[in-house]
């Protein structure tokens, strides 16, 4: 009877170790795949947008950095505008 208990413990230990190894391998593959996919998405999306803006000369920050400037906020013009200006915003 003692031999069977020992074999049972070894088999269970083997499967527990195998399960931990598979989990560790899966996490490593997951990290690798996520890094590769997110790099492709970042370079494809953000890199392409940056390149297109560079080519077209578009800038998102219209002012030059100034040391003496207190703020870069522009005052809002909240007056009522003609309806055509609202329709043709872009």
C-alpha atoms as a PDB file:
ATOM      1  CA  UNK A   1       0.000   0.000   0.000  1.00  0.00           C
ATOM      2  CA  UNK A   2       2.813   2.427   0.706  1.00  0.00           C
ATOM      3  CA  UNK A   3       4.128   2.125  -2.849  1.00  0.00           C
ATOM      4  CA  UNK A   4       0.781   3.074  -4.374  1.00  0.00           C
ATOM      5  CA  UNK A   5       0.492   6.177  -2.205  1.00  0.00           C
ATOM      6  CA  UNK A   6       3.984   7.270  -3.224  1.00  0.00           C
ATOM      7  CA  UNK A   7       3.244   6.724  -6.932  1.00  0.00           C
ATOM      8  CA  UNK A   8       0.022   8.667  -6.602  1.00  0.00           C
ATOM      9  CA  UNK A   9       1.891  11.573  -4.995  1.00  0.00           C
ATOM     10  CA  UNK A  10       4.553  11.574  -7.718  1.00  0.00           C
ATOM     11  CA  UNK A  11       1.949  11.558 -10.491  1.00  0.00           C
ATOM     12  CA  UNK A  12       0.027  14.424  -8.868  1.00  0.00           C
ATOM     13  CA  UNK A  13       3.259  16.332  -8.353  1.00  0.00           C
ATOM     14  CA  UNK A  14       4.158  15.758 -12.017  1.00  0.00           C
ATOM     15  CA  UNK A  15       0.830  17.169 -13.214  1.00  0.00           C
ATOM     16  CA  UNK A  16       1.048  20.167 -10.869  1.00  0.00           C
ATOM     17  CA  UNK A  17       4.545  20.936 -12.139  1.00  0.00           C
ATOM     18  CA  UNK A  18       3.447  20.509 -15.748  1.00  0.00           C
ATOM     19  CA  UNK A  19       0.501  22.844 -15.189  1.00  0.00           C
ATOM     20  CA  UNK A  20       2.759  25.495 -13.650  1.00  0.00           C
ATOM     21  CA  UNK A  21       5.224  25.158 -16.527  1.00  0.00           C
ATOM     22  CA  UNK A  22       2.486  25.510 -19.150  1.00  0.00           C
ATOM     23  CA  UNK A  23       1.089  28.569 -17.337  1.00  0.00           C
ATOM     24  CA  UNK A  24       4.529  30.180 -17.196  1.00  0.00           C
ATOM     25  CA  UNK A  25       5.120  29.446 -20.880  1.00  0.00           C
ATOM     26  CA  UNK A  26       1.698  30.873 -21.795  1.00  0.00           C
ATOM     27  CA  UNK A  27       2.386  34.085 -19.878  1.00  0.00           C
ATOM     28  CA  UNK A  28       5.738  34.483 -21.626  1.00  0.00           C
ATOM     29  CA  UNK A  29       4.165  33.975 -25.063  1.00  0.00           C
ATOM     30  CA  UNK A  30       1.359  36.383 -24.114  1.00  0.00           C
ATOM     31  CA  UNK A  31       3.859  39.103 -23.211  1.00  0.00           C
ATOM     32  CA  UNK A  32       5.788  38.588 -26.435  1.00  0.00           C
ATOM     33  CA  UNK A  33       2.714  38.600 -28.674  1.00  0.00           C
ATOM     34  CA  UNK A  34       1.176  41.639 -26.937  1.00  0.00           C
ATOM     35  CA  UNK A  35       4.426  43.577 -27.253  1.00  0.00           C
ATOM     36  CA  UNK A  36       4.733  42.787 -30.953  1.00  0.00           C
ATOM     37  CA  UNK A  37       1.077  43.563 -31.728  1.00  0.00           C
ATOM     38  CA  UNK A  38       1.004  46.811 -29.747  1.00  0.00           C
ATOM     39  CA  UNK A  39       4.237  47.948 -31.398  1.00  0.00           C
ATOM     40  CA  UNK A  40       2.734  47.307 -34.834  1.00  0.00           C
ATOM     41  CA  UNK A  41      -0.475  49.150 -33.908  1.00  0.00           C
ATOM     42  CA  UNK A  42       1.453  52.082 -32.426  1.00  0.00           C
ATOM     43  CA  UNK A  43       3.785  52.450 -35.386  1.00  0.00           C
ATOM     44  CA  UNK A  44       0.950  51.884 -37.852  1.00  0.00           C
ATOM     45  CA  UNK A  45      -1.486  54.291 -36.210  1.00  0.00           C
ATOM     46  CA  UNK A  46       0.464  56.953 -34.370  1.00  0.00           C
ATOM     47  CA  UNK A  47       3.505  56.791 -36.642  1.00  0.00           C
ATOM     48  CA  UNK A  48       1.405  57.116 -39.777  1.00  0.00           C
ATOM     49  CA  UNK A  49      -0.576  60.041 -38.310  1.00  0.00           C
ATOM     50  CA  UNK A  50       2.654  61.782 -37.284  1.00  0.00           C
ATOM     51  CA  UNK A  51       4.167  61.251 -40.732  1.00  0.00           C
ATOM     52  CA  UNK A  52       1.070  62.576 -42.521  1.00  0.00           C
ATOM     53  CA  UNK A  53       1.026  65.666 -40.285  1.00  0.00           C
ATOM     54  CA  UNK A  54       4.727  66.218 -40.913  1.00  0.00           C
ATOM     55  CA  UNK A  55       4.261  65.957 -44.691  1.00  0.00           C
ATOM     56  CA  UNK A  56       1.205  68.218 -44.751  1.00  0.00           C
ATOM     57  CA  UNK A  57       2.792  70.760 -42.384  1.00  0.00           C
ATOM     58  CA  UNK A  58       0.018  70.414 -39.792  1.00  0.00           C
ATOM     59  CA  UNK A  59       0.903  71.409 -36.241  1.00  0.00           C
ATOM     60  CA  UNK A  60      -1.250  70.863 -33.187  1.00  0.00           C
ATOM     61  CA  UNK A  61       0.534  73.410 -31.034  1.00  0.00           C
ATOM     62  CA  UNK A  62       0.206  76.696 -32.857  1.00  0.00           C
ATOM     63  CA  UNK A  63       2.406  78.849 -30.681  1.00  0.00           C
ATOM     64  CA  UNK A  64       6.123  78.798 -30.155  1.00  0.00           C
ATOM     65  CA  UNK A  65       7.133  78.018 -26.573  1.00  0.00           C
ATOM     66  CA  UNK A  66       7.710  81.261 -24.690  1.00  0.00           C
ATOM     67  CA  UNK A  67       9.383  81.485 -21.314  1.00  0.00           C
ATOM     68  CA  UNK A  68       7.481  84.621 -20.284  1.00  0.00           C
ATOM     69  CA  UNK A  69       4.030  83.293 -21.260  1.00  0.00           C
ATOM     70  CA  UNK A  70       1.716  82.661 -18.321  1.00  0.00           C
ATOM     71  CA  UNK A  71      -0.631  80.443 -20.324  1.00  0.00           C
ATOM     72  CA  UNK A  72      -1.179  79.113 -23.809  1.00  0.00           C
ATOM     73  CA  UNK A  73      -4.961  79.067 -23.534  1.00  0.00           C
ATOM     74  CA  UNK A  74      -6.837  81.081 -26.108  1.00  0.00           C
ATOM     75  CA  UNK A  75      -9.919  83.044 -25.041  1.00  0.00           C
ATOM     76  CA  UNK A  76     -13.207  81.491 -26.167  1.00  0.00           C
ATOM     77  CA  UNK A  77     -15.352  83.437 -28.585  1.00  0.00           C
ATOM     78  CA  UNK A  78     -18.776  82.481 -27.306  1.00  0.00           C
ATOM     79  CA  UNK A  79     -20.768  84.937 -29.400  1.00  0.00           C
ATOM     80  CA  UNK A  80     -23.638  83.726 -31.543  1.00  0.00           C
ATOM     81  CA  UNK A  81     -22.355  82.898 -35.037  1.00  0.00           C
ATOM     82  CA  UNK A  82     -24.226  82.454 -38.301  1.00  0.00           C
ATOM     83  CA  UNK A  83     -25.529  78.914 -38.826  1.00  0.00           C
ATOM     84  CA  UNK A  84     -23.208  78.406 -41.837  1.00  0.00           C
ATOM     85  CA  UNK A  85     -20.117  78.644 -39.604  1.00  0.00           C
ATOM     86  CA  UNK A  86     -21.443  75.820 -37.457  1.00  0.00           C
ATOM     87  CA  UNK A  87     -22.163  73.624 -40.456  1.00  0.00           C
ATOM     88  CA  UNK A  88     -18.746  74.102 -42.069  1.00  0.00           C
ATOM     89  CA  UNK A  89     -16.406  73.697 -39.112  1.00  0.00           C
ATOM     90  CA  UNK A  90     -13.861  71.454 -40.781  1.00  0.00           C
END
